[in-house]
Amino acid sequence: MRIWRNWLAAGLLGATVFTMPAAAAEKFFVYVSPDAIGVNAFLKMGQSGIQAAGEKYGADVETYESRTAADRLENVNAAVNEGADIVVMLGFEFNDIIKQVAPTAPDTQFLIIDQCIDDRPANVHCAVFREYESSYLMGVAAGLLTETDKVGVVGALDIPFLHRYTDGYAEGVKSVKPDASVDIRWVGGENPFADPVRAKEQAVAMHAAGADLIFTATAGGDFGVFEAAKEKNFKAFSVDVNQCPNAPGHIVDMTLKQVDTAMVQAIGAILDGEKSVTMALGLKEGGMSAMALQEDQIADSGCLIADHPEVAAKMREVADSIKDGSLKLEDPMFAK
């Protein structure tokens, strides 16, 4: 029956449905992406996370890949209609959708990764990250390495959530080089999270203004910044996964976000019967990290931070102070 439904969902929604081949299981999990997955490392982690959860908890799993805003709502509804026990969504794009759908489907559990909503019913769960902690570490490295005392950061869209990257980075820079200037720019446009052309333009303009180290938090747009780094010969920082092999000799370090790990942990808590599960993961919990903190991996990472052991050591020192609470960082998302 589920195979028939999959073909129906794919035909009706115009969305891509990925089915993990397996014998029918008692549990069924669906991951709904906010956009086309493509080369987006962040969205790929959602797919690997749902597969890992299926393997760990003995569930059938599927990924519904959204291509448009309309797909998001239709895919969530399709997951409910197909009998998903847990529907996992990644990103702020689902905030309004979950408020609309969850009350009508009390027997389905909904998990939002990377966001949360107020006044949640008991069947809505959240796993969020303290991205600003790792972004602060990127800023520390940039402040120590800049030769022009001008650095930059490109964000996808000027919304409170993404200030966790831009503002966190700026604060880290100022912590070690108070007189440095930090240029903050946004991709914007119709598709801010998947526009390498506009992301590249912002990075090129930043570099022309003197920035020699640029942090990119633009999802699919990061590849445009990497291209600019290679063409203009500046250094970059990135997010989510190790991107250093994508621009050898040009990427210093990146924030590492363990989306897949958080998804597996949160699903486990839901299956244990917890109501309104809420997880907030940062450096201390291992939800956020940086390559400089991965001492067993840094040498083979391809990242330039491996060539600056004194900077990596400083980043680890700062990370320890964040973990033990001696350095308290304000969440930029709520500081505006």
C-alpha atoms as a PDB file:
ATOM      1  CA  MET A   1       0.000   0.000   0.000  1.00  0.00           C
ATOM      2  CA  ARG A   2       2.779   2.436   0.873  1.00  0.00           C
ATOM      3  CA  ILE A   3       4.403   1.991  -2.553  1.00  0.00           C
ATOM      4  CA  TRP A   4       1.122   2.984  -4.229  1.00  0.00           C
ATOM      5  CA  ARG A   5       0.863   6.024  -1.990  1.00  0.00           C
ATOM      6  CA  ASN A   6       4.422   7.059  -2.837  1.00  0.00           C
ATOM      7  CA  TRP A   7       3.669   7.114  -6.521  1.00  0.00           C
ATOM      8  CA  LEU A   8       0.489   9.062  -5.832  1.00  0.00           C
ATOM      9  CA  ALA A   9       2.306  11.609  -3.662  1.00  0.00           C
ATOM     10  CA  ALA A  10       5.054  12.086  -6.231  1.00  0.00           C
ATOM     11  CA  GLY A  11       2.519  12.556  -9.008  1.00  0.00           C
ATOM     12  CA  LEU A  12       0.327  14.972  -7.090  1.00  0.00           C
ATOM     13  CA  LEU A  13       3.009  17.089  -5.479  1.00  0.00           C
ATOM     14  CA  GLY A  14       5.621  17.338  -8.185  1.00  0.00           C
ATOM     15  CA  ALA A  15       8.100  16.702  -5.364  1.00  0.00           C
ATOM     16  CA  THR A  16      10.807  14.086  -5.226  1.00  0.00           C
ATOM     17  CA  VAL A  17      10.144  11.137  -2.931  1.00  0.00           C
ATOM     18  CA  PHE A  18      13.106   9.034  -1.831  1.00  0.00           C
ATOM     19  CA  THR A  19      12.211   5.636  -0.400  1.00  0.00           C
ATOM     20  CA  MET A  20      14.602   3.610   1.676  1.00  0.00           C
ATOM     21  CA  PRO A  21      14.145   0.008   0.501  1.00  0.00           C
ATOM     22  CA  ALA A  22      13.280  -2.230   3.430  1.00  0.00           C
ATOM     23  CA  ALA A  23      10.679  -4.665   4.627  1.00  0.00           C
ATOM     24  CA  ALA A  24       7.574  -3.098   6.100  1.00  0.00           C
ATOM     25  CA  ALA A  25       8.243  -1.865   9.625  1.00  0.00           C
ATOM     26  CA  GLU A  26       5.942  -0.928  12.480  1.00  0.00           C
ATOM     27  CA  LYS A  27       7.211   2.668  12.480  1.00  0.00           C
ATOM     28  CA  PHE A  28       7.321   5.162   9.603  1.00  0.00           C
ATOM     29  CA  PHE A  29       9.333   8.416   9.589  1.00  0.00           C
ATOM     30  CA  VAL A  30       9.238  11.132   6.910  1.00  0.00           C
ATOM     31  CA  TYR A  31      11.751  13.961   6.434  1.00  0.00           C
ATOM     32  CA  VAL A  32      10.425  16.986   4.514  1.00  0.00           C
ATOM     33  CA  SER A  33      13.088  19.328   3.148  1.00  0.00           C
ATOM     34  CA  PRO A  34      12.316  23.062   2.791  1.00  0.00           C
ATOM     35  CA  ASP A  35      13.958  23.307  -0.644  1.00  0.00           C
ATOM     36  CA  ALA A  36      15.556  21.122  -3.277  1.00  0.00           C
ATOM     37  CA  ILE A  37      18.424  19.286  -1.599  1.00  0.00           C
ATOM     38  CA  GLY A  38      20.908  19.483  -4.468  1.00  0.00           C
ATOM     39  CA  VAL A  39      24.390  20.352  -3.155  1.00  0.00           C
ATOM     40  CA  ASN A  40      23.040  21.868   0.080  1.00  0.00           C
ATOM     41  CA  ALA A  41      25.103  20.126   2.771  1.00  0.00           C
ATOM     42  CA  PHE A  42      22.692  21.201   5.500  1.00  0.00           C
ATOM     43  CA  LEU A  43      19.709  19.577   3.806  1.00  0.00           C
ATOM     44  CA  LYS A  44      21.745  16.474   3.011  1.00  0.00           C
ATOM     45  CA  MET A  45      22.366  16.039   6.732  1.00  0.00           C
ATOM     46  CA  GLY A  46      18.612  15.879   7.217  1.00  0.00           C
ATOM     47  CA  GLN A  47      18.423  13.034   4.748  1.00  0.00           C
ATOM     48  CA  SER A  48      21.278  11.116   6.366  1.00  0.00           C
ATOM     49  CA  GLY A  49      19.732  11.793   9.772  1.00  0.00           C
ATOM     50  CA  ILE A  50      16.360  10.288   8.896  1.00  0.00           C
ATOM     51  CA  GLN A  51      18.087   7.245   7.427  1.00  0.00           C
ATOM     52  CA  ALA A  52      20.165   6.822  10.580  1.00  0.00           C
ATOM     53  CA  ALA A  53      17.033   7.150  12.720  1.00  0.00           C
ATOM     54  CA  GLY A  54      15.278   4.522  10.632  1.00  0.00           C
ATOM     55  CA  GLU A  55      18.160   2.117  11.057  1.00  0.00           C
ATOM     56  CA  LYS A  56      18.447   2.717  14.796  1.00  0.00           C
ATOM     57  CA  TYR A  57      14.753   2.516  15.602  1.00  0.00           C
ATOM     58  CA  GLY A  58      13.660  -0.049  13.010  1.00  0.00           C
ATOM     59  CA  ALA A  59      11.472   2.260  10.942  1.00  0.00           C
ATOM     60  CA  ASP A  60      10.679   2.727   7.271  1.00  0.00           C
ATOM     61  CA  VAL A  61      11.810   6.193   6.189  1.00  0.00           C
ATOM     62  CA  GLU A  62      11.202   8.516   3.274  1.00  0.00           C
ATOM     63  CA  THR A  63      12.441  11.941   2.214  1.00  0.00           C
ATOM     64  CA  TYR A  64       9.990  14.328   0.564  1.00  0.00           C
ATOM     65  CA  GLU A  65      11.995  16.956  -1.274  1.00  0.00           C
ATOM     66  CA  SER A  66      10.213  20.291  -1.668  1.00  0.00           C
ATOM     67  CA  ARG A  67      10.928  22.466  -4.670  1.00  0.00           C
ATOM     68  CA  THR A  68       8.485  25.287  -3.972  1.00  0.00           C
ATOM     69  CA  ALA A  69       6.798  26.905  -0.985  1.00  0.00           C
ATOM     70  CA  ALA A  70       3.560  25.151  -1.908  1.00  0.00           C
ATOM     71  CA  ASP A  71       5.354  21.792  -1.852  1.00  0.00           C
ATOM     72  CA  ARG A  72       6.219  22.222   1.818  1.00  0.00           C
ATOM     73  CA  LEU A  73       2.619  22.264   3.000  1.00  0.00           C
ATOM     74  CA  GLU A  74       1.540  19.592   0.546  1.00  0.00           C
ATOM     75  CA  ASN A  75       4.428  17.316   1.524  1.00  0.00           C
ATOM     76  CA  VAL A  76       3.684  17.638   5.250  1.00  0.00           C
ATOM     77  CA  ASN A  77       0.030  16.842   4.610  1.00  0.00           C
ATOM     78  CA  ALA A  78       1.019  13.896   2.417  1.00  0.00           C
ATOM     79  CA  ALA A  79       3.238  12.518   5.166  1.00  0.00           C
ATOM     80  CA  VAL A  80       0.335  12.696   7.618  1.00  0.00           C
ATOM     81  CA  ASN A  81      -2.042  11.095   5.130  1.00  0.00           C
ATOM     82  CA  GLU A  82       0.387   8.250   4.491  1.00  0.00           C
ATOM     83  CA  GLY A  83       0.438   7.439   8.178  1.00  0.00           C
ATOM     84  CA  ALA A  84       3.839   8.759   9.228  1.00  0.00           C
ATOM     85  CA  ASP A  85       4.458   8.299  12.931  1.00  0.00           C
ATOM     86  CA  ILE A  86       6.991  11.136  12.961  1.00  0.00           C
ATOM     87  CA  VAL A  87       7.309  13.949  10.424  1.00  0.00           C
ATOM     88  CA  VAL A  88      10.652  15.782  10.539  1.00  0.00           C
ATOM     89  CA  MET A  89      11.045  19.271   9.045  1.00  0.00           C
ATOM     90  CA  LEU A  90      14.213  21.292   8.706  1.00  0.00           C
ATOM     91  CA  GLY A  91      14.172  25.085   8.997  1.00  0.00           C
ATOM     92  CA  PHE A  92      12.090  28.153   9.798  1.00  0.00           C
ATOM     93  CA  GLU A  93      10.081  27.736   6.586  1.00  0.00           C
ATOM     94  CA  PHE A  94       7.836  25.257   8.405  1.00  0.00           C
ATOM     95  CA  ASN A  95       6.909  27.422  11.412  1.00  0.00           C
ATOM     96  CA  ASP A  96       3.501  28.491  10.084  1.00  0.00           C
ATOM     97  CA  ILE A  97       2.843  25.124   8.454  1.00  0.00           C
ATOM     98  CA  ILE A  98       3.305  23.233  11.708  1.00  0.00           C
ATOM     99  CA  LYS A  99       0.920  25.575  13.515  1.00  0.00           C
ATOM    100  CA  GLN A 100      -1.673  24.826  10.848  1.00  0.00           C
ATOM    101  CA  VAL A 101      -1.239  21.064  10.491  1.00  0.00           C
ATOM    102  CA  ALA A 102      -0.244  19.711  13.916  1.00  0.00           C
ATOM    103  CA  PRO A 103      -3.546  20.458  15.708  1.00  0.00           C
ATOM    104  CA  THR A 104      -5.423  18.558  13.000  1.00  0.00           C
ATOM    105  CA  ALA A 105      -3.229  15.451  13.338  1.00  0.00           C
ATOM    106  CA  PRO A 106      -2.919  14.643  17.061  1.00  0.00           C
ATOM    107  CA  ASP A 107      -1.774  11.063  16.366  1.00  0.00           C
ATOM    108  CA  THR A 108       1.256  12.252  14.377  1.00  0.00           C
ATOM    109  CA  GLN A 109       4.421  13.532  16.032  1.00  0.00           C
ATOM    110  CA  PHE A 110       6.139  16.533  14.408  1.00  0.00           C
ATOM    111  CA  LEU A 111       9.805  17.411  14.878  1.00  0.00           C
ATOM    112  CA  ILE A 112      11.231  20.756  13.743  1.00  0.00           C
ATOM    113  CA  ILE A 113      15.003  20.847  13.472  1.00  0.00           C
ATOM    114  CA  ASP A 114      16.789  24.213  13.676  1.00  0.00           C
ATOM    115  CA  GLN A 115      13.662  26.108  14.786  1.00  0.00           C
ATOM    116  CA  CYS A 116      10.958  26.127  17.416  1.00  0.00           C
ATOM    117  CA  ILE A 117       7.519  27.697  17.818  1.00  0.00           C
ATOM    118  CA  ASP A 118       5.652  29.173  20.749  1.00  0.00           C
ATOM    119  CA  ASP A 119       2.581  27.584  22.365  1.00  0.00           C
ATOM    120  CA  ARG A 120       3.337  24.153  20.954  1.00  0.00           C
ATOM    121  CA  PRO A 121       0.857  21.300  21.262  1.00  0.00           C
ATOM    122  CA  ALA A 122       2.214  18.129  22.867  1.00  0.00           C
ATOM    123  CA  ASN A 123       2.843  16.495  19.470  1.00  0.00           C
ATOM    124  CA  VAL A 124       5.282  19.184  18.283  1.00  0.00           C
ATOM    125  CA  HIS A 125       8.947  18.856  19.212  1.00  0.00           C
ATOM    126  CA  CYS A 126      12.061  20.989  18.579  1.00  0.00           C
ATOM    127  CA  ALA A 127      15.800  20.540  18.299  1.00  0.00           C
ATOM    128  CA  VAL A 128      17.729  23.788  17.961  1.00  0.00           C
ATOM    129  CA  PHE A 129      21.383  24.797  18.012  1.00  0.00           C
ATOM    130  CA  ARG A 130      23.465  27.565  19.519  1.00  0.00           C
ATOM    131  CA  GLU A 131      25.117  28.406  16.204  1.00  0.00           C
ATOM    132  CA  TYR A 132      26.499  31.653  17.544  1.00  0.00           C
ATOM    133  CA  GLU A 133      28.976  29.759  19.737  1.00  0.00           C
ATOM    134  CA  SER A 134      30.787  28.238  16.757  1.00  0.00           C
ATOM    135  CA  SER A 135      30.370  31.432  14.727  1.00  0.00           C
ATOM    136  CA  TYR A 136      32.135  33.271  17.539  1.00  0.00           C
ATOM    137  CA  LEU A 137      35.067  30.864  17.135  1.00  0.00           C
ATOM    138  CA  MET A 138      35.214  31.633  13.396  1.00  0.00           C
ATOM    139  CA  GLY A 139      35.427  35.308  14.330  1.00  0.00           C
ATOM    140  CA  VAL A 140      38.243  34.649  16.776  1.00  0.00           C
ATOM    141  CA  ALA A 141      40.220  32.949  14.002  1.00  0.00           C
ATOM    142  CA  ALA A 142      39.457  35.730  11.516  1.00  0.00           C
ATOM    143  CA  GLY A 143      40.501  38.402  13.988  1.00  0.00           C
ATOM    144  CA  LEU A 144      43.805  36.667  14.644  1.00  0.00           C
ATOM    145  CA  LEU A 145      44.557  35.993  10.970  1.00  0.00           C
ATOM    146  CA  THR A 146      43.454  39.153   9.174  1.00  0.00           C
ATOM    147  CA  GLU A 147      46.225  41.224   7.634  1.00  0.00           C
ATOM    148  CA  THR A 148      44.015  44.110   6.542  1.00  0.00           C
ATOM    149  CA  ASP A 149      42.016  44.451   9.786  1.00  0.00           C
ATOM    150  CA  LYS A 150      38.931  44.148   7.557  1.00  0.00           C
ATOM    151  CA  VAL A 151      36.870  40.981   7.432  1.00  0.00           C
ATOM    152  CA  GLY A 152      33.416  40.133   6.153  1.00  0.00           C
ATOM    153  CA  VAL A 153      30.442  37.807   6.467  1.00  0.00           C
ATOM    154  CA  VAL A 154      27.759  36.976   3.923  1.00  0.00           C
ATOM    155  CA  GLY A 155      24.407  35.779   5.250  1.00  0.00           C
ATOM    156  CA  ALA A 156      21.558  34.386   3.195  1.00  0.00           C
ATOM    157  CA  LEU A 157      18.760  36.593   4.522  1.00  0.00           C
ATOM    158  CA  ASP A 158      18.509  39.379   7.100  1.00  0.00           C
ATOM    159  CA  ILE A 159      16.329  37.585   9.637  1.00  0.00           C
ATOM    160  CA  PRO A 160      16.911  37.256  13.424  1.00  0.00           C
ATOM    161  CA  PHE A 161      17.932  33.598  13.195  1.00  0.00           C
ATOM    162  CA  LEU A 162      20.812  34.237  10.777  1.00  0.00           C
ATOM    163  CA  HIS A 163      22.241  36.925  13.048  1.00  0.00           C
ATOM    164  CA  ARG A 164      23.461  33.960  15.079  1.00  0.00           C
ATOM    165  CA  TYR A 165      26.049  33.595  12.331  1.00  0.00           C
ATOM    166  CA  THR A 166      26.754  37.182  11.330  1.00  0.00           C
ATOM    167  CA  ASP A 167      26.680  38.788  14.774  1.00  0.00           C
ATOM    168  CA  GLY A 168      28.342  35.841  16.497  1.00  0.00           C
ATOM    169  CA  TYR A 169      31.197  36.074  13.999  1.00  0.00           C
ATOM    170  CA  ALA A 170      31.505  39.845  14.415  1.00  0.00           C
ATOM    171  CA  GLU A 171      31.657  39.530  18.205  1.00  0.00           C
ATOM    172  CA  GLY A 172      34.385  36.909  17.943  1.00  0.00           C
ATOM    173  CA  VAL A 173      36.436  39.167  15.680  1.00  0.00           C
ATOM    174  CA  LYS A 174      36.110  42.114  18.068  1.00  0.00           C
ATOM    175  CA  SER A 175      37.078  39.946  21.050  1.00  0.00           C
ATOM    176  CA  VAL A 176      40.622  39.560  19.746  1.00  0.00           C
ATOM    177  CA  LYS A 177      40.938  42.631  17.482  1.00  0.00           C
ATOM    178  CA  PRO A 178      38.665  45.432  18.729  1.00  0.00           C
ATOM    179  CA  ASP A 179      39.705  47.860  15.997  1.00  0.00           C
ATOM    180  CA  ALA A 180      38.940  45.490  13.101  1.00  0.00           C
ATOM    181  CA  SER A 181      35.956  46.305  10.890  1.00  0.00           C
ATOM    182  CA  VAL A 182      33.379  43.645  10.016  1.00  0.00           C
ATOM    183  CA  ASP A 183      31.414  44.033   6.782  1.00  0.00           C
ATOM    184  CA  ILE A 184      28.022  42.253   6.978  1.00  0.00           C
ATOM    185  CA  ARG A 185      26.068  41.711   3.761  1.00  0.00           C
ATOM    186  CA  TRP A 186      23.067  39.636   2.698  1.00  0.00           C
ATOM    187  CA  VAL A 187      22.229  37.590  -0.381  1.00  0.00           C
ATOM    188  CA  GLY A 188      18.490  38.339  -0.349  1.00  0.00           C
ATOM    189  CA  GLY A 189      16.529  37.975  -3.566  1.00  0.00           C
ATOM    190  CA  GLU A 190      13.959  35.345  -4.441  1.00  0.00           C
ATOM    191  CA  ASN A 191      16.055  32.334  -3.407  1.00  0.00           C
ATOM    192  CA  PRO A 192      18.541  33.528  -0.777  1.00  0.00           C
ATOM    193  CA  PHE A 193      19.544  30.048   0.399  1.00  0.00           C
ATOM    194  CA  ALA A 194      20.384  28.725  -3.064  1.00  0.00           C
ATOM    195  CA  ASP A 195      21.831  31.633  -5.029  1.00  0.00           C
ATOM    196  CA  PRO A 196      25.588  31.217  -5.561  1.00  0.00           C
ATOM    197  CA  VAL A 197      25.639  34.063  -8.089  1.00  0.00           C
ATOM    198  CA  ARG A 198      24.373  36.701  -5.656  1.00  0.00           C
ATOM    199  CA  ALA A 199      26.461  35.255  -2.804  1.00  0.00           C
ATOM    200  CA  LYS A 200      29.562  35.499  -4.987  1.00  0.00           C
ATOM    201  CA  GLU A 201      28.759  39.104  -5.916  1.00  0.00           C
ATOM    202  CA  GLN A 202      28.554  40.089  -2.256  1.00  0.00           C
ATOM    203  CA  ALA A 203      31.825  38.356  -1.452  1.00  0.00           C
ATOM    204  CA  VAL A 204      33.618  39.978  -4.401  1.00  0.00           C
ATOM    205  CA  ALA A 205      32.355  43.414  -3.337  1.00  0.00           C
ATOM    206  CA  MET A 206      33.474  42.776   0.234  1.00  0.00           C
ATOM    207  CA  HIS A 207      36.933  41.722  -0.873  1.00  0.00           C
ATOM    208  CA  ALA A 208      37.198  44.787  -3.118  1.00  0.00           C
ATOM    209  CA  ALA A 209      36.496  46.887  -0.011  1.00  0.00           C
ATOM    210  CA  GLY A 210      39.444  45.301   1.781  1.00  0.00           C
ATOM    211  CA  ALA A 211      38.114  42.157   3.514  1.00  0.00           C
ATOM    212  CA  ASP A 212      40.723  39.399   3.381  1.00  0.00           C
ATOM    213  CA  LEU A 213      38.710  36.797   5.359  1.00  0.00           C
ATOM    214  CA  ILE A 214      35.030  36.182   4.590  1.00  0.00           C
ATOM    215  CA  PHE A 215      32.607  33.931   6.468  1.00  0.00           C
ATOM    216  CA  THR A 216      29.782  32.529   4.323  1.00  0.00           C
ATOM    217  CA  ALA A 217      26.486  31.360   5.821  1.00  0.00           C
ATOM    218  CA  THR A 218      24.405  31.156   2.650  1.00  0.00           C
ATOM    219  CA  ALA A 219      23.601  27.418   2.342  1.00  0.00           C
ATOM    220  CA  GLY A 220      23.679  26.622  -1.394  1.00  0.00           C
ATOM    221  CA  GLY A 221      25.221  30.032  -2.053  1.00  0.00           C
ATOM    222  CA  ASP A 222      28.441  29.047  -0.281  1.00  0.00           C
ATOM    223  CA  PHE A 223      29.832  27.614  -3.507  1.00  0.00           C
ATOM    224  CA  GLY A 224      29.649  31.062  -5.080  1.00  0.00           C
ATOM    225  CA  VAL A 225      31.762  32.454  -2.249  1.00  0.00           C
ATOM    226  CA  PHE A 226      34.262  29.610  -2.661  1.00  0.00           C
ATOM    227  CA  GLU A 227      34.499  30.431  -6.357  1.00  0.00           C
ATOM    228  CA  ALA A 228      35.135  34.083  -5.510  1.00  0.00           C
ATOM    229  CA  ALA A 229      37.815  33.086  -2.988  1.00  0.00           C
ATOM    230  CA  LYS A 230      39.661  31.113  -5.650  1.00  0.00           C
ATOM    231  CA  GLU A 231      39.361  33.856  -8.270  1.00  0.00           C
ATOM    232  CA  LYS A 232      40.238  36.782  -5.984  1.00  0.00           C
ATOM    233  CA  ASN A 233      42.605  34.866  -3.698  1.00  0.00           C
ATOM    234  CA  PHE A 234      41.041  35.560  -0.309  1.00  0.00           C
ATOM    235  CA  LYS A 235      40.327  33.123   2.512  1.00  0.00           C
ATOM    236  CA  ALA A 236      36.884  31.935   3.646  1.00  0.00           C
ATOM    237  CA  PHE A 237      35.047  30.315   6.529  1.00  0.00           C
ATOM    238  CA  SER A 238      31.942  28.177   6.014  1.00  0.00           C
ATOM    239  CA  VAL A 239      29.216  26.288   7.878  1.00  0.00           C
ATOM    240  CA  ASP A 240      27.639  22.917   8.649  1.00  0.00           C
ATOM    241  CA  VAL A 241      30.144  20.360   7.272  1.00  0.00           C
ATOM    242  CA  ASN A 242      33.789  20.241   6.187  1.00  0.00           C
ATOM    243  CA  GLN A 243      33.790  22.288   2.979  1.00  0.00           C
ATOM    244  CA  CYS A 244      37.588  22.613   2.746  1.00  0.00           C
ATOM    245  CA  PRO A 245      37.964  20.067  -0.081  1.00  0.00           C
ATOM    246  CA  ASN A 246      35.634  22.224  -2.203  1.00  0.00           C
ATOM    247  CA  ALA A 247      38.158  25.082  -2.335  1.00  0.00           C
ATOM    248  CA  PRO A 248      41.587  23.708  -1.430  1.00  0.00           C
ATOM    249  CA  GLY A 249      43.895  26.321   0.032  1.00  0.00           C
ATOM    250  CA  HIS A 250      41.130  28.871   0.542  1.00  0.00           C
ATOM    251  CA  ILE A 251      38.950  27.709   3.471  1.00  0.00           C
ATOM    252  CA  VAL A 252      40.256  28.247   6.989  1.00  0.00           C
ATOM    253  CA  ASP A 253      37.610  26.515   9.117  1.00  0.00           C
ATOM    254  CA  MET A 254      33.849  26.126   9.467  1.00  0.00           C
ATOM    255  CA  THR A 255      31.135  25.724  12.039  1.00  0.00           C
ATOM    256  CA  LEU A 256      30.075  22.089  12.269  1.00  0.00           C
ATOM    257  CA  LYS A 257      26.400  21.430  12.955  1.00  0.00           C
ATOM    258  CA  GLN A 258      25.416  17.875  13.884  1.00  0.00           C
ATOM    259  CA  VAL A 259      21.905  17.915  12.413  1.00  0.00           C
ATOM    260  CA  ASP A 260      21.855  14.164  11.868  1.00  0.00           C
ATOM    261  CA  THR A 261      22.902  13.448  15.450  1.00  0.00           C
ATOM    262  CA  ALA A 262      20.294  15.846  16.847  1.00  0.00           C
ATOM    263  CA  MET A 263      17.592  14.241  14.710  1.00  0.00           C
ATOM    264  CA  VAL A 264      18.367  10.742  15.961  1.00  0.00           C
ATOM    265  CA  GLN A 265      18.461  11.906  19.601  1.00  0.00           C
ATOM    266  CA  ALA A 266      15.205  13.841  19.348  1.00  0.00           C
ATOM    267  CA  ILE A 267      13.369  10.999  17.618  1.00  0.00           C
ATOM    268  CA  GLY A 268      14.547   8.674  20.368  1.00  0.00           C
ATOM    269  CA  ALA A 269      13.091  10.996  23.015  1.00  0.00           C
ATOM    270  CA  ILE A 270       9.791  11.162  21.124  1.00  0.00           C
ATOM    271  CA  LEU A 271       9.627   7.381  20.884  1.00  0.00           C
ATOM    272  CA  ASP A 272      10.244   7.226  24.649  1.00  0.00           C
ATOM    273  CA  GLY A 273       6.986   9.123  25.090  1.00  0.00           C
ATOM    274  CA  GLU A 274       8.287  12.559  26.017  1.00  0.00           C
ATOM    275  CA  LYS A 275       5.867  15.426  25.379  1.00  0.00           C
ATOM    276  CA  SER A 276       6.985  18.591  23.605  1.00  0.00           C
ATOM    277  CA  VAL A 277      10.623  17.515  23.428  1.00  0.00           C
ATOM    278  CA  THR A 278      12.966  20.520  23.318  1.00  0.00           C
ATOM    279  CA  MET A 279      16.695  20.198  22.749  1.00  0.00           C
ATOM    280  CA  ALA A 280      19.182  23.077  22.553  1.00  0.00           C
ATOM    281  CA  LEU A 281      22.607  21.919  21.428  1.00  0.00           C
ATOM    282  CA  GLY A 282      25.825  23.933  21.459  1.00  0.00           C
ATOM    283  CA  LEU A 283      29.528  23.334  21.979  1.00  0.00           C
ATOM    284  CA  LYS A 284      29.033  21.725  25.383  1.00  0.00           C
ATOM    285  CA  GLU A 285      26.519  19.158  24.098  1.00  0.00           C
ATOM    286  CA  GLY A 286      28.449  18.437  20.905  1.00  0.00           C
ATOM    287  CA  GLY A 287      25.706  19.790  18.678  1.00  0.00           C
ATOM    288  CA  MET A 288      28.018  22.532  17.382  1.00  0.00           C
ATOM    289  CA  SER A 289      31.747  22.387  16.795  1.00  0.00           C
ATOM    290  CA  ALA A 290      34.564  23.542  14.492  1.00  0.00           C
ATOM    291  CA  MET A 291      37.351  21.744  12.699  1.00  0.00           C
ATOM    292  CA  ALA A 292      39.867  23.381  15.037  1.00  0.00           C
ATOM    293  CA  LEU A 293      38.231  21.454  17.888  1.00  0.00           C
ATOM    294  CA  GLN A 294      38.567  18.115  16.083  1.00  0.00           C
ATOM    295  CA  GLU A 295      42.179  17.461  17.057  1.00  0.00           C
ATOM    296  CA  ASP A 296      42.124  13.931  15.622  1.00  0.00           C
ATOM    297  CA  GLN A 297      40.853  15.156  12.236  1.00  0.00           C
ATOM    298  CA  ILE A 298      42.398  18.568  11.693  1.00  0.00           C
ATOM    299  CA  ALA A 299      45.592  17.338  10.022  1.00  0.00           C
ATOM    300  CA  ASP A 300      43.688  15.504   7.278  1.00  0.00           C
ATOM    301  CA  SER A 301      40.828  17.993   6.937  1.00  0.00           C
ATOM    302  CA  GLY A 302      42.297  20.037   4.104  1.00  0.00           C
ATOM    303  CA  CYS A 303      41.502  23.166   6.119  1.00  0.00           C
ATOM    304  CA  LEU A 304      43.976  26.002   6.495  1.00  0.00           C
ATOM    305  CA  ILE A 305      43.449  26.057  10.254  1.00  0.00           C
ATOM    306  CA  ALA A 306      45.814  23.055  10.344  1.00  0.00           C
ATOM    307  CA  ASP A 307      48.607  25.427   9.278  1.00  0.00           C
ATOM    308  CA  HIS A 308      47.940  27.756  12.219  1.00  0.00           C
ATOM    309  CA  PRO A 309      48.256  25.669  15.397  1.00  0.00           C
ATOM    310  CA  GLU A 310      48.469  28.763  17.601  1.00  0.00           C
ATOM    311  CA  VAL A 311      45.137  30.017  16.265  1.00  0.00           C
ATOM    312  CA  ALA A 312      43.536  26.571  16.668  1.00  0.00           C
ATOM    313  CA  ALA A 313      44.826  26.474  20.239  1.00  0.00           C
ATOM    314  CA  LYS A 314      43.233  29.850  20.959  1.00  0.00           C
ATOM    315  CA  MET A 315      39.934  28.651  19.471  1.00  0.00           C
ATOM    316  CA  ARG A 316      40.006  25.588  21.713  1.00  0.00           C
ATOM    317  CA  GLU A 317      40.742  27.782  24.725  1.00  0.00           C
ATOM    318  CA  VAL A 318      37.780  30.036  23.924  1.00  0.00           C
ATOM    319  CA  ALA A 319      35.559  27.008  23.270  1.00  0.00           C
ATOM    320  CA  ASP A 320      36.418  25.596  26.687  1.00  0.00           C
ATOM    321  CA  SER A 321      35.467  28.894  28.328  1.00  0.00           C
ATOM    322  CA  ILE A 322      32.108  28.805  26.538  1.00  0.00           C
ATOM    323  CA  LYS A 323      31.512  25.211  27.582  1.00  0.00           C
ATOM    324  CA  ASP A 324      32.293  25.812  31.257  1.00  0.00           C
ATOM    325  CA  GLY A 325      30.271  29.025  31.353  1.00  0.00           C
ATOM    326  CA  SER A 326      33.108  31.396  32.166  1.00  0.00           C
ATOM    327  CA  LEU A 327      32.459  33.111  28.808  1.00  0.00           C
ATOM    328  CA  LYS A 328      28.768  33.861  28.432  1.00  0.00           C
ATOM    329  CA  LEU A 329      27.517  34.756  24.947  1.00  0.00           C
ATOM    330  CA  GLU A 330      24.199  36.444  24.299  1.00  0.00           C
ATOM    331  CA  ASP A 331      22.004  34.816  21.643  1.00  0.00           C
ATOM    332  CA  PRO A 332      21.918  37.360  18.782  1.00  0.00           C
ATOM    333  CA  MET A 333      18.548  36.031  17.634  1.00  0.00           C
ATOM    334  CA  PHE A 334      16.922  37.594  20.683  1.00  0.00           C
ATOM    335  CA  ALA A 335      19.213  40.584  21.046  1.00  0.00           C
ATOM    336  CA  LYS A 336      17.538  42.670  18.335  1.00  0.00           C
END
